[in-house]
């Protein structure tokens, strides 16, 4: 069986000292991963490590809402780089809105402008987008209604919005984090609309740092809740990610 971690951040400093060991554990567990960037501060690192481990890691480039919310944010500079380099990426991400950490409407406006420009780029390049939606899920779904691109809701576990997300043709990526809401989200989401992720180094199912090889824990949970063999779940989710990316990993 092969497993795909649909969202991680191996470019972060938490992996600086032992990335080769992390990759080796991925090899041992037959795991591949999409590595998401957030802005100019780490795009180049994402591309570098994905090139070094091109059989296991695939770059996803985007300007995240955290970058778009900084006082020093230069939208023109960030977007010019992204527009030039996005063809190197397998998808556009992590992009979206965050109303958990950011509360003022001017910041929300900056986030929305950045999101919409990237949705336009994804349409132009026919690329999938990976979306951060924390405490802004309904607004993201509303914005998506104006765009025609394949879309994944990253780290999404909001049971009351599952039906609305599916109606909006979204694929839902559930993390390794243990959560009652995540369990309910898996139960409500058709298996052909599910992906699994770690969001490494965050949201570990164990104590300490998360890493892509732990994505198998999310696959196992889907297997239990959907009452399907793990091999069937892995095959189905691999097919889902092939479909949403438009390319087989």
C-alpha atoms as a PDB file:
ATOM      1  CA  UNK A   1       0.000   0.000   0.000  1.00  0.00           C
ATOM      2  CA  UNK A   2       1.037   3.576  -0.687  1.00  0.00           C
ATOM      3  CA  UNK A   3      -0.125   6.556   1.367  1.00  0.00           C
ATOM      4  CA  UNK A   4      -0.195  10.256   0.489  1.00  0.00           C
ATOM      5  CA  UNK A   5       0.076  13.056   3.029  1.00  0.00           C
ATOM      6  CA  UNK A   6      -1.862  15.802   1.271  1.00  0.00           C
ATOM      7  CA  UNK A   7      -0.473  18.653   3.385  1.00  0.00           C
ATOM      8  CA  UNK A   8       2.723  19.168   5.359  1.00  0.00           C
ATOM      9  CA  UNK A   9       5.438  21.762   6.022  1.00  0.00           C
ATOM     10  CA  UNK A  10       8.760  19.955   5.887  1.00  0.00           C
ATOM     11  CA  UNK A  11      10.518  23.242   5.075  1.00  0.00           C
ATOM     12  CA  UNK A  12      10.068  24.431   8.652  1.00  0.00           C
ATOM     13  CA  UNK A  13      12.947  24.640  11.114  1.00  0.00           C
ATOM     14  CA  UNK A  14      11.544  21.694  13.094  1.00  0.00           C
ATOM     15  CA  UNK A  15      12.928  19.459  10.326  1.00  0.00           C
ATOM     16  CA  UNK A  16      16.257  21.171   9.714  1.00  0.00           C
ATOM     17  CA  UNK A  17      18.323  18.718  11.739  1.00  0.00           C
ATOM     18  CA  UNK A  18      16.881  15.390  10.641  1.00  0.00           C
ATOM     19  CA  UNK A  19      15.026  15.732   7.337  1.00  0.00           C
ATOM     20  CA  UNK A  20      16.914  12.772   5.770  1.00  0.00           C
ATOM     21  CA  UNK A  21      15.682  10.555   8.627  1.00  0.00           C
ATOM     22  CA  UNK A  22      12.131  11.826   8.169  1.00  0.00           C
ATOM     23  CA  UNK A  23      12.314  10.968   4.471  1.00  0.00           C
ATOM     24  CA  UNK A  24      13.726   7.529   5.259  1.00  0.00           C
ATOM     25  CA  UNK A  25      10.754   6.800   7.524  1.00  0.00           C
ATOM     26  CA  UNK A  26       8.501   7.887   4.675  1.00  0.00           C
ATOM     27  CA  UNK A  27      10.240   5.411   2.395  1.00  0.00           C
ATOM     28  CA  UNK A  28       9.872   2.641   4.983  1.00  0.00           C
ATOM     29  CA  UNK A  29       6.141   3.347   5.289  1.00  0.00           C
ATOM     30  CA  UNK A  30       5.526   3.985   1.557  1.00  0.00           C
ATOM     31  CA  UNK A  31       4.411   7.561   2.143  1.00  0.00           C
ATOM     32  CA  UNK A  32       4.554  10.488  -0.289  1.00  0.00           C
ATOM     33  CA  UNK A  33       3.726  14.083   0.660  1.00  0.00           C
ATOM     34  CA  UNK A  34       2.676  17.450  -0.697  1.00  0.00           C
ATOM     35  CA  UNK A  35       4.768  20.233   0.860  1.00  0.00           C
ATOM     36  CA  UNK A  36       2.922  23.554   1.184  1.00  0.00           C
ATOM     37  CA  UNK A  37       4.605  26.944   1.311  1.00  0.00           C
ATOM     38  CA  UNK A  38       3.250  30.200   2.694  1.00  0.00           C
ATOM     39  CA  UNK A  39       5.145  33.004   0.995  1.00  0.00           C
ATOM     40  CA  UNK A  40       8.491  34.283  -0.232  1.00  0.00           C
ATOM     41  CA  UNK A  41      10.083  33.489   3.114  1.00  0.00           C
ATOM     42  CA  UNK A  42       9.918  29.758   2.393  1.00  0.00           C
ATOM     43  CA  UNK A  43       9.029  29.151  -1.289  1.00  0.00           C
ATOM     44  CA  UNK A  44      12.651  28.506  -2.231  1.00  0.00           C
ATOM     45  CA  UNK A  45      13.139  26.009   0.596  1.00  0.00           C
ATOM     46  CA  UNK A  46      10.059  24.077  -0.466  1.00  0.00           C
ATOM     47  CA  UNK A  47      11.316  23.878  -4.041  1.00  0.00           C
ATOM     48  CA  UNK A  48      14.784  22.869  -2.883  1.00  0.00           C
ATOM     49  CA  UNK A  49      13.725  19.973  -0.668  1.00  0.00           C
ATOM     50  CA  UNK A  50      11.148  18.754  -3.181  1.00  0.00           C
ATOM     51  CA  UNK A  51      13.835  18.684  -5.859  1.00  0.00           C
ATOM     52  CA  UNK A  52      16.202  16.804  -3.527  1.00  0.00           C
ATOM     53  CA  UNK A  53      13.556  14.163  -2.732  1.00  0.00           C
ATOM     54  CA  UNK A  54      11.540  14.309  -5.938  1.00  0.00           C
ATOM     55  CA  UNK A  55      10.302  10.719  -5.614  1.00  0.00           C
ATOM     56  CA  UNK A  56       8.646  11.516  -2.271  1.00  0.00           C
ATOM     57  CA  UNK A  57       7.910  15.265  -2.042  1.00  0.00           C
ATOM     58  CA  UNK A  58       5.864  17.506  -4.315  1.00  0.00           C
ATOM     59  CA  UNK A  59       5.764  21.331  -4.061  1.00  0.00           C
ATOM     60  CA  UNK A  60       2.599  23.324  -3.434  1.00  0.00           C
ATOM     61  CA  UNK A  61       3.247  27.074  -3.673  1.00  0.00           C
ATOM     62  CA  UNK A  62       1.014  29.831  -2.347  1.00  0.00           C
ATOM     63  CA  UNK A  63       0.654  32.968  -0.258  1.00  0.00           C
ATOM     64  CA  UNK A  64      -1.049  32.023   2.981  1.00  0.00           C
ATOM     65  CA  UNK A  65      -3.324  34.283   5.072  1.00  0.00           C
ATOM     66  CA  UNK A  66      -0.620  34.681   7.713  1.00  0.00           C
ATOM     67  CA  UNK A  67       1.747  36.226   5.175  1.00  0.00           C
ATOM     68  CA  UNK A  68      -1.028  38.379   3.728  1.00  0.00           C
ATOM     69  CA  UNK A  69      -1.789  39.744   7.216  1.00  0.00           C
ATOM     70  CA  UNK A  70       1.695  41.031   8.045  1.00  0.00           C
ATOM     71  CA  UNK A  71       2.328  44.817   8.122  1.00  0.00           C
ATOM     72  CA  UNK A  72       5.312  44.305   5.801  1.00  0.00           C
ATOM     73  CA  UNK A  73       3.326  42.291   3.254  1.00  0.00           C
ATOM     74  CA  UNK A  74       4.029  43.363  -0.324  1.00  0.00           C
ATOM     75  CA  UNK A  75       1.289  41.802  -2.416  1.00  0.00           C
ATOM     76  CA  UNK A  76       2.801  42.839  -5.748  1.00  0.00           C
ATOM     77  CA  UNK A  77       6.221  41.360  -4.947  1.00  0.00           C
ATOM     78  CA  UNK A  78       4.785  38.157  -3.505  1.00  0.00           C
ATOM     79  CA  UNK A  79       2.378  37.629  -6.371  1.00  0.00           C
ATOM     80  CA  UNK A  80       4.905  38.438  -9.112  1.00  0.00           C
ATOM     81  CA  UNK A  81       7.149  35.665  -7.766  1.00  0.00           C
ATOM     82  CA  UNK A  82       4.263  33.235  -7.437  1.00  0.00           C
ATOM     83  CA  UNK A  83       2.951  33.917 -10.931  1.00  0.00           C
ATOM     84  CA  UNK A  84       6.392  33.276 -12.398  1.00  0.00           C
ATOM     85  CA  UNK A  85       7.075  30.108 -10.405  1.00  0.00           C
ATOM     86  CA  UNK A  86       3.634  28.521  -9.971  1.00  0.00           C
ATOM     87  CA  UNK A  87       4.106  26.296 -13.051  1.00  0.00           C
ATOM     88  CA  UNK A  88       6.776  24.454 -11.019  1.00  0.00           C
ATOM     89  CA  UNK A  89       4.181  23.567  -8.375  1.00  0.00           C
ATOM     90  CA  UNK A  90       1.802  20.643  -8.398  1.00  0.00           C
ATOM     91  CA  UNK A  91      -0.890  22.901  -6.870  1.00  0.00           C
ATOM     92  CA  UNK A  92      -1.475  26.365  -5.389  1.00  0.00           C
ATOM     93  CA  UNK A  93      -1.412  26.521  -1.591  1.00  0.00           C
ATOM     94  CA  UNK A  94      -1.602  27.040   1.226  1.00  0.00           C
ATOM     95  CA  UNK A  95      -4.004  29.893   0.524  1.00  0.00           C
ATOM     96  CA  UNK A  96      -7.203  31.075   2.175  1.00  0.00           C
ATOM     97  CA  UNK A  97      -8.559  33.031   5.119  1.00  0.00           C
ATOM     98  CA  UNK A  98      -7.951  32.965   8.861  1.00  0.00           C
ATOM     99  CA  UNK A  99     -10.363  34.611  11.280  1.00  0.00           C
ATOM    100  CA  UNK A 100      -9.082  32.725  14.306  1.00  0.00           C
ATOM    101  CA  UNK A 101      -5.844  34.626  14.759  1.00  0.00           C
ATOM    102  CA  UNK A 102      -6.867  37.784  12.888  1.00  0.00           C
ATOM    103  CA  UNK A 103      -9.920  39.760  13.959  1.00  0.00           C
ATOM    104  CA  UNK A 104      -9.967  43.149  12.193  1.00  0.00           C
ATOM    105  CA  UNK A 105     -11.795  43.716   8.933  1.00  0.00           C
ATOM    106  CA  UNK A 106      -8.922  45.514   7.191  1.00  0.00           C
ATOM    107  CA  UNK A 107      -6.762  42.415   7.626  1.00  0.00           C
ATOM    108  CA  UNK A 108      -9.604  40.227   6.386  1.00  0.00           C
ATOM    109  CA  UNK A 109      -9.839  42.411   3.289  1.00  0.00           C
ATOM    110  CA  UNK A 110      -6.112  41.939   2.571  1.00  0.00           C
ATOM    111  CA  UNK A 111      -6.511  38.194   2.991  1.00  0.00           C
ATOM    112  CA  UNK A 112      -9.491  38.093   0.631  1.00  0.00           C
ATOM    113  CA  UNK A 113      -7.722  40.127  -2.066  1.00  0.00           C
ATOM    114  CA  UNK A 114      -4.755  37.770  -1.898  1.00  0.00           C
ATOM    115  CA  UNK A 115      -6.999  34.702  -1.963  1.00  0.00           C
ATOM    116  CA  UNK A 116      -8.966  35.899  -4.986  1.00  0.00           C
ATOM    117  CA  UNK A 117      -5.837  36.732  -6.990  1.00  0.00           C
ATOM    118  CA  UNK A 118      -4.566  33.213  -6.370  1.00  0.00           C
ATOM    119  CA  UNK A 119      -7.875  31.618  -7.307  1.00  0.00           C
ATOM    120  CA  UNK A 120      -7.667  33.525 -10.587  1.00  0.00           C
ATOM    121  CA  UNK A 121      -4.132  32.206 -11.094  1.00  0.00           C
ATOM    122  CA  UNK A 122      -5.254  28.649 -10.349  1.00  0.00           C
ATOM    123  CA  UNK A 123      -7.999  28.979 -12.954  1.00  0.00           C
ATOM    124  CA  UNK A 124      -5.514  30.315 -15.485  1.00  0.00           C
ATOM    125  CA  UNK A 125      -3.028  27.477 -14.871  1.00  0.00           C
ATOM    126  CA  UNK A 126      -5.683  24.786 -14.337  1.00  0.00           C
ATOM    127  CA  UNK A 127      -4.265  23.923 -10.919  1.00  0.00           C
ATOM    128  CA  UNK A 128      -5.892  22.705  -7.737  1.00  0.00           C
ATOM    129  CA  UNK A 129      -5.917  24.950  -4.655  1.00  0.00           C
ATOM    130  CA  UNK A 130      -5.353  23.916  -1.027  1.00  0.00           C
ATOM    131  CA  UNK A 131      -7.327  26.157   1.303  1.00  0.00           C
ATOM    132  CA  UNK A 132      -6.842  27.281   4.903  1.00  0.00           C
ATOM    133  CA  UNK A 133     -10.275  28.196   6.285  1.00  0.00           C
ATOM    134  CA  UNK A 134      -9.997  28.449  10.065  1.00  0.00           C
ATOM    135  CA  UNK A 135     -13.041  30.223  11.519  1.00  0.00           C
ATOM    136  CA  UNK A 136     -13.731  31.523   8.000  1.00  0.00           C
ATOM    137  CA  UNK A 137     -15.146  28.382   6.433  1.00  0.00           C
ATOM    138  CA  UNK A 138     -18.436  29.841   5.232  1.00  0.00           C
ATOM    139  CA  UNK A 139     -16.772  32.926   3.755  1.00  0.00           C
ATOM    140  CA  UNK A 140     -14.258  30.781   1.857  1.00  0.00           C
ATOM    141  CA  UNK A 141     -17.079  28.664   0.418  1.00  0.00           C
ATOM    142  CA  UNK A 142     -18.894  31.839  -0.595  1.00  0.00           C
ATOM    143  CA  UNK A 143     -15.817  33.163  -2.420  1.00  0.00           C
ATOM    144  CA  UNK A 144     -15.211  29.815  -4.127  1.00  0.00           C
ATOM    145  CA  UNK A 145     -18.634  29.983  -5.756  1.00  0.00           C
ATOM    146  CA  UNK A 146     -17.240  32.603  -8.157  1.00  0.00           C
ATOM    147  CA  UNK A 147     -14.304  30.487  -9.329  1.00  0.00           C
ATOM    148  CA  UNK A 148     -13.900  27.328 -11.341  1.00  0.00           C
ATOM    149  CA  UNK A 149     -10.886  25.447 -10.028  1.00  0.00           C
ATOM    150  CA  UNK A 150     -10.392  22.164  -8.228  1.00  0.00           C
ATOM    151  CA  UNK A 151     -10.290  22.747  -4.478  1.00  0.00           C
ATOM    152  CA  UNK A 152      -9.243  21.020  -1.277  1.00  0.00           C
ATOM    153  CA  UNK A 153     -10.257  22.231   2.189  1.00  0.00           C
ATOM    154  CA  UNK A 154      -7.122  21.622   4.243  1.00  0.00           C
ATOM    155  CA  UNK A 155      -7.449  20.488   7.856  1.00  0.00           C
ATOM    156  CA  UNK A 156     -11.225  20.709   7.667  1.00  0.00           C
ATOM    157  CA  UNK A 157     -13.378  19.256  10.411  1.00  0.00           C
ATOM    158  CA  UNK A 158     -16.577  21.274  10.648  1.00  0.00           C
ATOM    159  CA  UNK A 159     -19.405  18.716  10.582  1.00  0.00           C
ATOM    160  CA  UNK A 160     -22.197  21.259  10.117  1.00  0.00           C
ATOM    161  CA  UNK A 161     -20.593  22.496   6.868  1.00  0.00           C
ATOM    162  CA  UNK A 162     -19.714  19.151   5.274  1.00  0.00           C
ATOM    163  CA  UNK A 163     -22.807  19.068   3.066  1.00  0.00           C
ATOM    164  CA  UNK A 164     -22.248  22.659   1.944  1.00  0.00           C
ATOM    165  CA  UNK A 165     -18.598  21.924   1.187  1.00  0.00           C
ATOM    166  CA  UNK A 166     -19.483  18.853  -0.867  1.00  0.00           C
ATOM    167  CA  UNK A 167     -22.132  20.843  -2.753  1.00  0.00           C
ATOM    168  CA  UNK A 168     -19.371  23.358  -3.553  1.00  0.00           C
ATOM    169  CA  UNK A 169     -17.381  20.484  -5.132  1.00  0.00           C
ATOM    170  CA  UNK A 170     -14.709  20.592  -2.445  1.00  0.00           C
ATOM    171  CA  UNK A 171     -12.540  17.696  -1.387  1.00  0.00           C
ATOM    172  CA  UNK A 172     -12.055  17.528   2.388  1.00  0.00           C
ATOM    173  CA  UNK A 173      -8.624  16.786   3.855  1.00  0.00           C
ATOM    174  CA  UNK A 174      -8.716  15.475   7.422  1.00  0.00           C
ATOM    175  CA  UNK A 175      -5.663  15.655   9.705  1.00  0.00           C
ATOM    176  CA  UNK A 176      -4.038  13.191  12.068  1.00  0.00           C
ATOM    177  CA  UNK A 177      -5.208  15.252  15.047  1.00  0.00           C
ATOM    178  CA  UNK A 178      -7.545  13.345  17.358  1.00  0.00           C
ATOM    179  CA  UNK A 179     -10.895  15.123  17.470  1.00  0.00           C
ATOM    180  CA  UNK A 180     -14.588  14.295  17.861  1.00  0.00           C
ATOM    181  CA  UNK A 181     -15.427  16.838  15.154  1.00  0.00           C
ATOM    182  CA  UNK A 182     -12.929  15.217  12.811  1.00  0.00           C
ATOM    183  CA  UNK A 183     -14.511  11.828  13.451  1.00  0.00           C
ATOM    184  CA  UNK A 184     -17.952  13.215  12.654  1.00  0.00           C
ATOM    185  CA  UNK A 185     -16.603  14.933   9.530  1.00  0.00           C
ATOM    186  CA  UNK A 186     -15.184  11.641   8.261  1.00  0.00           C
ATOM    187  CA  UNK A 187     -18.500   9.904   8.921  1.00  0.00           C
ATOM    188  CA  UNK A 188     -20.423  12.566   6.986  1.00  0.00           C
ATOM    189  CA  UNK A 189     -18.042  12.875   4.019  1.00  0.00           C
ATOM    190  CA  UNK A 190     -18.254  10.392   1.136  1.00  0.00           C
ATOM    191  CA  UNK A 191     -14.998   8.479   0.882  1.00  0.00           C
ATOM    192  CA  UNK A 192     -14.472   9.688  -2.689  1.00  0.00           C
ATOM    193  CA  UNK A 193     -14.311  13.249  -1.298  1.00  0.00           C
ATOM    194  CA  UNK A 194     -11.698  12.571   1.402  1.00  0.00           C
ATOM    195  CA  UNK A 195      -7.946  13.105   1.665  1.00  0.00           C
ATOM    196  CA  UNK A 196      -5.654  12.566   4.657  1.00  0.00           C
ATOM    197  CA  UNK A 197      -2.929  14.882   5.929  1.00  0.00           C
ATOM    198  CA  UNK A 198      -0.588  15.534   8.831  1.00  0.00           C
ATOM    199  CA  UNK A 199      -0.050  19.315   8.627  1.00  0.00           C
ATOM    200  CA  UNK A 200       3.411  18.440   9.958  1.00  0.00           C
ATOM    201  CA  UNK A 201       4.990  19.544  12.222  1.00  0.00           C
ATOM    202  CA  UNK A 202       1.592  20.369  13.765  1.00  0.00           C
ATOM    203  CA  UNK A 203      -1.391  18.257  14.868  1.00  0.00           C
ATOM    204  CA  UNK A 204       0.453  15.084  15.812  1.00  0.00           C
ATOM    205  CA  UNK A 205      -1.632  12.049  16.797  1.00  0.00           C
ATOM    206  CA  UNK A 206       1.115  11.372  19.350  1.00  0.00           C
ATOM    207  CA  UNK A 207       3.124  13.578  21.660  1.00  0.00           C
ATOM    208  CA  UNK A 208       5.698  15.842  20.040  1.00  0.00           C
ATOM    209  CA  UNK A 209       6.364  16.733  16.414  1.00  0.00           C
ATOM    210  CA  UNK A 210       4.199  15.404  13.635  1.00  0.00           C
ATOM    211  CA  UNK A 211       5.726  14.033  10.416  1.00  0.00           C
ATOM    212  CA  UNK A 212       4.394  12.596   7.135  1.00  0.00           C
ATOM    213  CA  UNK A 213       4.823   8.934   8.055  1.00  0.00           C
ATOM    214  CA  UNK A 214       2.183   9.468  10.748  1.00  0.00           C
ATOM    215  CA  UNK A 215      -0.442  10.120   8.057  1.00  0.00           C
ATOM    216  CA  UNK A 216      -1.165   6.391   8.184  1.00  0.00           C
ATOM    217  CA  UNK A 217      -2.988   7.055  11.472  1.00  0.00           C
ATOM    218  CA  UNK A 218      -5.549   9.184   9.604  1.00  0.00           C
ATOM    219  CA  UNK A 219      -5.940   6.492   6.955  1.00  0.00           C
ATOM    220  CA  UNK A 220      -6.541   3.917   9.702  1.00  0.00           C
ATOM    221  CA  UNK A 221      -9.240   6.087  11.264  1.00  0.00           C
ATOM    222  CA  UNK A 222     -11.009   6.445   7.924  1.00  0.00           C
ATOM    223  CA  UNK A 223     -10.773   2.661   7.520  1.00  0.00           C
ATOM    224  CA  UNK A 224     -12.451   2.059  10.878  1.00  0.00           C
ATOM    225  CA  UNK A 225     -15.175   4.681  10.457  1.00  0.00           C
ATOM    226  CA  UNK A 226     -16.002   3.736   6.876  1.00  0.00           C
ATOM    227  CA  UNK A 227     -15.768   0.003   7.644  1.00  0.00           C
ATOM    228  CA  UNK A 228     -13.420  -0.561   4.713  1.00  0.00           C
ATOM    229  CA  UNK A 229     -10.117  -2.391   4.511  1.00  0.00           C
ATOM    230  CA  UNK A 230      -7.101  -0.115   4.837  1.00  0.00           C
ATOM    231  CA  UNK A 231      -5.958  -1.133   1.349  1.00  0.00           C
ATOM    232  CA  UNK A 232      -9.304  -0.021  -0.126  1.00  0.00           C
ATOM    233  CA  UNK A 233      -9.112   3.303   1.725  1.00  0.00           C
ATOM    234  CA  UNK A 234      -5.555   3.924   0.531  1.00  0.00           C
ATOM    235  CA  UNK A 235      -6.465   3.075  -3.066  1.00  0.00           C
ATOM    236  CA  UNK A 236      -9.549   5.313  -2.972  1.00  0.00           C
ATOM    237  CA  UNK A 237      -7.780   8.300  -1.431  1.00  0.00           C
ATOM    238  CA  UNK A 238      -4.888   7.944  -3.880  1.00  0.00           C
ATOM    239  CA  UNK A 239      -7.451   8.067  -6.691  1.00  0.00           C
ATOM    240  CA  UNK A 240      -9.035  11.139  -5.079  1.00  0.00           C
ATOM    241  CA  UNK A 241      -5.776  13.048  -4.989  1.00  0.00           C
ATOM    242  CA  UNK A 242      -4.940  12.044  -8.555  1.00  0.00           C
ATOM    243  CA  UNK A 243      -8.305  13.381  -9.644  1.00  0.00           C
ATOM    244  CA  UNK A 244      -8.078  16.668  -7.757  1.00  0.00           C
ATOM    245  CA  UNK A 245      -4.456  17.349  -8.767  1.00  0.00           C
ATOM    246  CA  UNK A 246      -4.957  16.262 -12.347  1.00  0.00           C
ATOM    247  CA  UNK A 247      -1.734  14.224 -12.176  1.00  0.00           C
ATOM    248  CA  UNK A 248      -0.701  10.916 -10.633  1.00  0.00           C
ATOM    249  CA  UNK A 249       2.021  11.047  -7.963  1.00  0.00           C
END
